[in-house]
Amino acid sequence: QVQVVESGGGSVQAGGSLRLSCKISGNKARSSYSMAWFRQGPGKEREGVVGMRGDGTTRYSDSVKGRFTISQDNANNTLYLEMNTLVPEDTGMYYCALEPRALIFFGGLLDAQYYPTWGQGTHVTVSS
C-alpha cells in the first residue's frame, strides 16, 4: 500500500520561507496520483492548502495563493511545498495526502474526504 512521509517543517520568523517535502513510497510515478497539502492550525479545522492532479492541474487556497508553490520531483517520487512570505497564521501541522486516482474532480482537490492516504504531518511555526 502506498504511503507518504512529510518532512521539512520547522520554526521561522514572519517573512521567511520553508520547503516541505512529501516522499511517496511504491513504484508508481507521482503522476499516477492526485495529491494535496493540508494544514491544521491551533484551534482550527483542517484546511486544504494546495492540490495537484496527476496531469499537473493545481488548485490553491486563496490564503496561500501567490506565496506557496507546489512542485514535484518525478525522479525521486517526491512532492514539495515551497512556502514564502510566511505569516503567523501559517502556523500549524502540515499534512500530505494522496488519492490513487490521477484525475479526481477538480473541486475536490482541496477536500480532505477525497484523500484516503495521509502522512503523519510536519509542524510549521511562524513567529512574529
N, C-alpha and C. Protein backbone atom coordinates (compact mmCIF):
# COMPACT_ATOMS: atom_id res chain seq x y z
N GLN A 1 0.84 -1.18 0.00
CA GLN A 1 0.00 0.00 0.00
C GLN A 1 0.89 1.24 0.00
N VAL A 2 0.53 2.20 -0.84
CA VAL A 2 1.35 3.41 -0.93
C VAL A 2 1.26 4.20 0.36
N GLN A 3 2.37 4.80 0.73
CA GLN A 3 2.43 5.65 1.92
C GLN A 3 3.12 6.96 1.58
N VAL A 4 2.88 7.97 2.40
CA VAL A 4 3.54 9.26 2.22
C VAL A 4 4.15 9.70 3.54
N VAL A 5 5.31 10.34 3.45
CA VAL A 5 6.01 10.79 4.64
C VAL A 5 6.46 12.23 4.42
N GLU A 6 6.03 13.11 5.32
CA GLU A 6 6.38 14.52 5.21
C GLU A 6 7.67 14.83 5.98
N SER A 7 8.33 15.89 5.55
CA SER A 7 9.49 16.41 6.26
C SER A 7 9.67 17.87 5.89
N GLY A 8 10.53 18.56 6.63
CA GLY A 8 10.88 19.92 6.28
C GLY A 8 10.28 21.01 7.14
N GLY A 9 9.42 20.62 8.09
CA GLY A 9 8.85 21.64 8.95
C GLY A 9 9.89 22.23 9.88
N GLY A 10 9.51 23.30 10.56
CA GLY A 10 10.42 23.94 11.48
C GLY A 10 9.87 25.28 11.93
N SER A 11 10.74 26.06 12.55
CA SER A 11 10.36 27.38 13.04
C SER A 11 11.03 28.45 12.20
N VAL A 12 10.28 29.48 11.89
CA VAL A 12 10.80 30.56 11.05
C VAL A 12 10.12 31.85 11.46
N GLN A 13 10.79 32.95 11.24
CA GLN A 13 10.18 34.24 11.52
C GLN A 13 9.29 34.67 10.37
N ALA A 14 8.35 35.53 10.69
CA ALA A 14 7.46 36.05 9.67
C ALA A 14 8.26 36.66 8.54
N GLY A 15 7.81 36.38 7.33
CA GLY A 15 8.52 36.84 6.15
C GLY A 15 9.50 35.82 5.60
N GLY A 16 9.75 34.78 6.38
CA GLY A 16 10.70 33.75 5.97
C GLY A 16 10.09 32.71 5.06
N SER A 17 10.89 31.69 4.78
CA SER A 17 10.49 30.64 3.85
C SER A 17 10.83 29.26 4.40
N LEU A 18 10.07 28.29 3.95
CA LEU A 18 10.33 26.88 4.26
C LEU A 18 9.93 26.06 3.05
N ARG A 19 10.55 24.89 2.91
CA ARG A 19 10.13 23.95 1.88
C ARG A 19 9.82 22.61 2.54
N LEU A 20 8.60 22.18 2.34
CA LEU A 20 8.17 20.89 2.85
C LEU A 20 8.30 19.84 1.75
N SER A 21 8.61 18.62 2.17
CA SER A 21 8.73 17.51 1.24
C SER A 21 7.75 16.41 1.62
N CYS A 22 7.28 15.69 0.62
CA CYS A 22 6.40 14.55 0.83
C CYS A 22 6.92 13.41 -0.04
N LYS A 23 7.52 12.43 0.60
CA LYS A 23 8.08 11.28 -0.12
C LYS A 23 7.01 10.22 -0.28
N ILE A 24 6.83 9.75 -1.50
CA ILE A 24 5.82 8.76 -1.83
C ILE A 24 6.47 7.39 -1.97
N SER A 25 5.96 6.41 -1.25
CA SER A 25 6.51 5.06 -1.36
C SER A 25 5.86 4.36 -2.55
N GLY A 26 6.43 3.21 -2.95
CA GLY A 26 5.86 2.44 -4.03
C GLY A 26 6.53 2.71 -5.36
N ASN A 27 6.07 1.99 -6.37
CA ASN A 27 6.73 2.03 -7.66
C ASN A 27 6.01 2.89 -8.70
N LYS A 28 4.84 3.37 -8.39
CA LYS A 28 4.12 4.18 -9.36
C LYS A 28 4.65 5.61 -9.36
N ALA A 29 4.57 6.23 -10.51
CA ALA A 29 5.03 7.61 -10.64
C ALA A 29 4.08 8.56 -9.92
N ARG A 30 4.59 9.73 -9.54
CA ARG A 30 3.79 10.74 -8.86
C ARG A 30 2.56 11.09 -9.69
N SER A 31 2.72 11.08 -10.99
CA SER A 31 1.62 11.46 -11.88
C SER A 31 0.48 10.45 -11.88
N SER A 32 0.67 9.33 -11.19
CA SER A 32 -0.40 8.33 -11.10
C SER A 32 -1.45 8.72 -10.07
N TYR A 33 -1.14 9.74 -9.28
CA TYR A 33 -2.00 10.10 -8.15
C TYR A 33 -2.45 11.55 -8.21
N SER A 34 -3.50 11.83 -7.47
CA SER A 34 -3.82 13.19 -7.10
C SER A 34 -3.31 13.39 -5.69
N MET A 35 -2.73 14.54 -5.42
CA MET A 35 -2.15 14.77 -4.11
C MET A 35 -2.43 16.19 -3.65
N ALA A 36 -2.27 16.39 -2.36
CA ALA A 36 -2.54 17.72 -1.81
C ALA A 36 -1.79 17.92 -0.51
N TRP A 37 -1.65 19.18 -0.17
CA TRP A 37 -1.17 19.59 1.14
C TRP A 37 -2.34 20.19 1.90
N PHE A 38 -2.47 19.74 3.14
CA PHE A 38 -3.46 20.29 4.05
C PHE A 38 -2.73 20.82 5.28
N ARG A 39 -3.41 21.64 6.05
CA ARG A 39 -2.83 22.11 7.30
C ARG A 39 -3.91 22.29 8.35
N GLN A 40 -3.46 22.23 9.60
CA GLN A 40 -4.38 22.46 10.71
C GLN A 40 -3.67 23.32 11.74
N GLY A 41 -4.16 24.54 11.89
CA GLY A 41 -3.60 25.46 12.86
C GLY A 41 -4.19 25.24 14.23
N PRO A 42 -3.60 25.84 15.26
CA PRO A 42 -4.10 25.69 16.62
C PRO A 42 -5.55 26.16 16.74
N GLY A 43 -6.40 25.26 17.19
CA GLY A 43 -7.80 25.60 17.35
C GLY A 43 -8.58 25.76 16.07
N LYS A 44 -7.99 25.33 14.96
CA LYS A 44 -8.66 25.49 13.67
C LYS A 44 -8.97 24.13 13.06
N GLU A 45 -9.87 24.13 12.11
CA GLU A 45 -10.16 22.92 11.37
C GLU A 45 -9.09 22.71 10.28
N ARG A 46 -8.96 21.47 9.87
CA ARG A 46 -8.04 21.16 8.79
C ARG A 46 -8.51 21.83 7.50
N GLU A 47 -7.59 22.44 6.79
CA GLU A 47 -7.95 23.12 5.55
C GLU A 47 -7.01 22.70 4.42
N GLY A 48 -7.54 22.68 3.23
CA GLY A 48 -6.72 22.39 2.07
C GLY A 48 -5.89 23.59 1.69
N VAL A 49 -4.62 23.35 1.42
CA VAL A 49 -3.69 24.42 1.05
C VAL A 49 -3.52 24.46 -0.46
N VAL A 50 -3.14 23.32 -1.03
CA VAL A 50 -2.97 23.22 -2.47
C VAL A 50 -3.07 21.77 -2.86
N GLY A 51 -3.68 21.53 -4.02
CA GLY A 51 -3.78 20.19 -4.54
C GLY A 51 -3.27 20.13 -5.97
N MET A 52 -2.82 18.93 -6.35
CA MET A 52 -2.30 18.73 -7.70
C MET A 52 -2.79 17.40 -8.24
N ARG A 53 -3.41 17.42 -9.41
CA ARG A 53 -3.83 16.19 -10.04
C ARG A 53 -2.65 15.56 -10.78
N GLY A 54 -2.83 14.36 -11.25
CA GLY A 54 -1.77 13.67 -11.95
C GLY A 54 -1.33 14.36 -13.23
N ASP A 55 -2.22 15.14 -13.83
CA ASP A 55 -1.87 15.86 -15.06
C ASP A 55 -1.23 17.21 -14.79
N GLY A 56 -0.98 17.51 -13.52
CA GLY A 56 -0.32 18.75 -13.16
C GLY A 56 -1.26 19.90 -12.84
N THR A 57 -2.56 19.70 -13.01
CA THR A 57 -3.52 20.74 -12.66
C THR A 57 -3.44 21.03 -11.17
N THR A 58 -3.39 22.29 -10.82
CA THR A 58 -3.29 22.66 -9.41
C THR A 58 -4.45 23.55 -8.99
N ARG A 59 -4.69 23.52 -7.71
CA ARG A 59 -5.69 24.41 -7.11
C ARG A 59 -5.13 24.87 -5.77
N TYR A 60 -5.07 26.18 -5.58
CA TYR A 60 -4.55 26.78 -4.35
C TYR A 60 -5.69 27.41 -3.55
N SER A 61 -5.55 27.38 -2.25
CA SER A 61 -6.49 28.13 -1.43
C SER A 61 -6.15 29.62 -1.55
N ASP A 62 -7.14 30.45 -1.38
CA ASP A 62 -6.92 31.90 -1.51
C ASP A 62 -5.91 32.41 -0.50
N SER A 63 -5.84 31.77 0.66
CA SER A 63 -4.97 32.26 1.72
C SER A 63 -3.48 32.09 1.41
N VAL A 64 -3.14 31.23 0.46
CA VAL A 64 -1.73 31.00 0.17
C VAL A 64 -1.36 31.34 -1.27
N LYS A 65 -2.35 31.67 -2.07
CA LYS A 65 -2.09 31.95 -3.49
C LYS A 65 -1.08 33.08 -3.62
N GLY A 66 -0.06 32.85 -4.44
CA GLY A 66 0.97 33.84 -4.63
C GLY A 66 2.14 33.72 -3.67
N ARG A 67 1.96 32.94 -2.60
CA ARG A 67 3.02 32.77 -1.61
C ARG A 67 3.55 31.33 -1.58
N PHE A 68 2.69 30.37 -1.81
CA PHE A 68 3.07 28.97 -1.75
C PHE A 68 3.08 28.40 -3.17
N THR A 69 3.97 27.44 -3.39
CA THR A 69 4.05 26.78 -4.69
C THR A 69 4.23 25.28 -4.49
N ILE A 70 3.40 24.52 -5.17
CA ILE A 70 3.53 23.06 -5.15
C ILE A 70 4.36 22.64 -6.35
N SER A 71 5.22 21.65 -6.14
CA SER A 71 6.02 21.14 -7.25
C SER A 71 6.30 19.67 -7.00
N GLN A 72 6.92 19.05 -7.99
CA GLN A 72 7.17 17.61 -7.88
C GLN A 72 8.52 17.26 -8.47
N ASP A 73 9.09 16.21 -7.94
CA ASP A 73 10.32 15.64 -8.47
C ASP A 73 9.98 14.21 -8.85
N ASN A 74 9.72 13.97 -10.11
CA ASN A 74 9.28 12.66 -10.54
C ASN A 74 10.37 11.60 -10.35
N ALA A 75 11.61 11.99 -10.53
CA ALA A 75 12.71 11.03 -10.40
C ALA A 75 12.78 10.48 -8.98
N ASN A 76 12.46 11.31 -8.01
CA ASN A 76 12.54 10.90 -6.61
C ASN A 76 11.17 10.66 -5.98
N ASN A 77 10.13 10.70 -6.80
CA ASN A 77 8.77 10.45 -6.32
C ASN A 77 8.45 11.30 -5.09
N THR A 78 8.71 12.58 -5.21
CA THR A 78 8.54 13.49 -4.08
C THR A 78 7.72 14.70 -4.50
N LEU A 79 6.85 15.10 -3.60
CA LEU A 79 6.05 16.31 -3.77
C LEU A 79 6.59 17.36 -2.83
N TYR A 80 6.63 18.61 -3.28
CA TYR A 80 7.15 19.69 -2.45
C TYR A 80 6.11 20.78 -2.25
N LEU A 81 6.30 21.52 -1.18
CA LEU A 81 5.52 22.73 -0.95
C LEU A 81 6.50 23.81 -0.56
N GLU A 82 6.72 24.74 -1.47
CA GLU A 82 7.57 25.89 -1.21
C GLU A 82 6.71 26.99 -0.61
N MET A 83 7.09 27.43 0.60
CA MET A 83 6.29 28.42 1.30
C MET A 83 7.13 29.68 1.51
N ASN A 84 6.68 30.77 0.94
CA ASN A 84 7.38 32.04 1.05
C ASN A 84 6.51 33.08 1.74
N THR A 85 7.15 34.14 2.18
CA THR A 85 6.46 35.24 2.85
C THR A 85 5.51 34.70 3.92
N LEU A 86 6.04 33.85 4.76
CA LEU A 86 5.23 33.21 5.79
C LEU A 86 4.74 34.23 6.81
N VAL A 87 3.53 33.97 7.30
CA VAL A 87 2.92 34.81 8.34
C VAL A 87 2.52 33.92 9.50
N PRO A 88 2.34 34.50 10.68
CA PRO A 88 2.00 33.66 11.85
C PRO A 88 0.76 32.79 11.63
N GLU A 89 -0.15 33.25 10.82
CA GLU A 89 -1.36 32.47 10.54
C GLU A 89 -1.08 31.18 9.76
N ASP A 90 0.11 31.05 9.23
CA ASP A 90 0.50 29.82 8.53
C ASP A 90 0.97 28.73 9.50
N THR A 91 1.06 29.07 10.76
CA THR A 91 1.48 28.10 11.78
C THR A 91 0.50 26.94 11.85
N GLY A 92 1.05 25.73 11.95
CA GLY A 92 0.20 24.56 12.10
C GLY A 92 0.90 23.30 11.66
N MET A 93 0.16 22.21 11.73
CA MET A 93 0.64 20.93 11.26
C MET A 93 0.27 20.80 9.78
N TYR A 94 1.25 20.47 8.99
CA TYR A 94 1.03 20.33 7.55
C TYR A 94 1.06 18.86 7.17
N TYR A 95 0.05 18.46 6.42
CA TYR A 95 -0.10 17.07 6.03
C TYR A 95 -0.07 16.91 4.51
N CYS A 96 0.53 15.84 4.09
CA CYS A 96 0.50 15.43 2.69
C CYS A 96 -0.57 14.35 2.55
N ALA A 97 -1.37 14.44 1.52
CA ALA A 97 -2.45 13.48 1.31
C ALA A 97 -2.43 12.98 -0.13
N LEU A 98 -2.88 11.75 -0.30
CA LEU A 98 -2.81 11.10 -1.61
C LEU A 98 -4.10 10.37 -1.93
N GLU A 99 -4.50 10.48 -3.18
CA GLU A 99 -5.67 9.77 -3.71
C GLU A 99 -5.17 8.96 -4.91
N PRO A 100 -5.43 7.66 -4.97
CA PRO A 100 -4.88 6.81 -6.02
C PRO A 100 -5.33 7.16 -7.44
N ARG A 101 -6.40 7.92 -7.60
CA ARG A 101 -6.83 8.32 -8.93
C ARG A 101 -6.05 9.56 -9.37
N ALA A 102 -5.56 9.53 -10.57
CA ALA A 102 -4.75 10.64 -11.08
C ALA A 102 -5.58 11.89 -11.34
N LEU A 103 -6.84 11.71 -11.72
CA LEU A 103 -7.65 12.87 -12.14
C LEU A 103 -8.94 12.93 -11.34
N ILE A 104 -8.82 13.33 -10.09
CA ILE A 104 -10.05 13.48 -9.31
C ILE A 104 -10.76 14.75 -9.72
N PHE A 105 -12.00 14.84 -9.32
CA PHE A 105 -12.82 16.02 -9.54
C PHE A 105 -12.07 17.27 -9.08
N PHE A 106 -11.92 18.26 -9.96
CA PHE A 106 -11.14 19.45 -9.65
C PHE A 106 -11.61 20.12 -8.37
N GLY A 107 -12.91 20.18 -8.20
CA GLY A 107 -13.44 20.81 -7.00
C GLY A 107 -13.12 20.05 -5.72
N GLY A 108 -12.68 18.81 -5.86
CA GLY A 108 -12.35 18.02 -4.69
C GLY A 108 -10.89 18.08 -4.30
N LEU A 109 -10.09 18.81 -5.06
CA LEU A 109 -8.65 18.83 -4.80
C LEU A 109 -8.32 19.32 -3.40
N LEU A 110 -9.12 20.20 -2.83
CA LEU A 110 -8.85 20.73 -1.50
C LEU A 110 -9.83 20.20 -0.46
N ASP A 111 -10.47 19.08 -0.80
CA ASP A 111 -11.45 18.47 0.10
C ASP A 111 -10.85 17.21 0.70
N ALA A 112 -10.67 17.19 2.00
CA ALA A 112 -9.99 16.08 2.67
C ALA A 112 -10.69 14.74 2.45
N GLN A 113 -11.99 14.75 2.22
CA GLN A 113 -12.71 13.49 2.10
C GLN A 113 -12.31 12.71 0.87
N TYR A 114 -11.66 13.34 -0.08
CA TYR A 114 -11.26 12.66 -1.31
C TYR A 114 -9.93 11.92 -1.16
N TYR A 115 -9.27 12.07 -0.03
CA TYR A 115 -7.92 11.52 0.13
C TYR A 115 -7.90 10.44 1.21
N PRO A 116 -7.67 9.21 0.82
CA PRO A 116 -7.65 8.12 1.80
C PRO A 116 -6.30 7.91 2.47
N THR A 117 -5.24 8.45 1.91
CA THR A 117 -3.90 8.21 2.44
C THR A 117 -3.30 9.50 2.94
N TRP A 118 -2.83 9.48 4.19
CA TRP A 118 -2.29 10.66 4.84
C TRP A 118 -0.96 10.35 5.52
N GLY A 119 -0.11 11.35 5.56
CA GLY A 119 1.12 11.23 6.33
C GLY A 119 0.89 11.65 7.77
N GLN A 120 1.96 11.58 8.56
CA GLN A 120 1.87 11.93 9.97
C GLN A 120 1.91 13.44 10.21
N GLY A 121 2.38 14.15 9.23
CA GLY A 121 2.42 15.61 9.36
C GLY A 121 3.79 16.12 9.75
N THR A 122 4.01 17.38 9.43
CA THR A 122 5.24 18.07 9.84
C THR A 122 4.83 19.46 10.30
N HIS A 123 5.41 19.90 11.42
CA HIS A 123 4.91 21.11 12.03
C HIS A 123 5.67 22.35 11.57
N VAL A 124 4.92 23.41 11.34
CA VAL A 124 5.48 24.70 10.94
C VAL A 124 5.07 25.74 11.97
N THR A 125 6.04 26.47 12.47
CA THR A 125 5.78 27.57 13.39
C THR A 125 6.34 28.85 12.81
N VAL A 126 5.49 29.85 12.69
CA VAL A 126 5.92 31.15 12.17
C VAL A 126 5.73 32.17 13.28
N SER A 127 6.82 32.78 13.70
CA SER A 127 6.76 33.75 14.79
C SER A 127 6.79 35.17 14.24
N SER A 128 6.14 36.05 14.98
CA SER A 128 6.06 37.44 14.51
C SER A 128 7.23 38.26 15.01
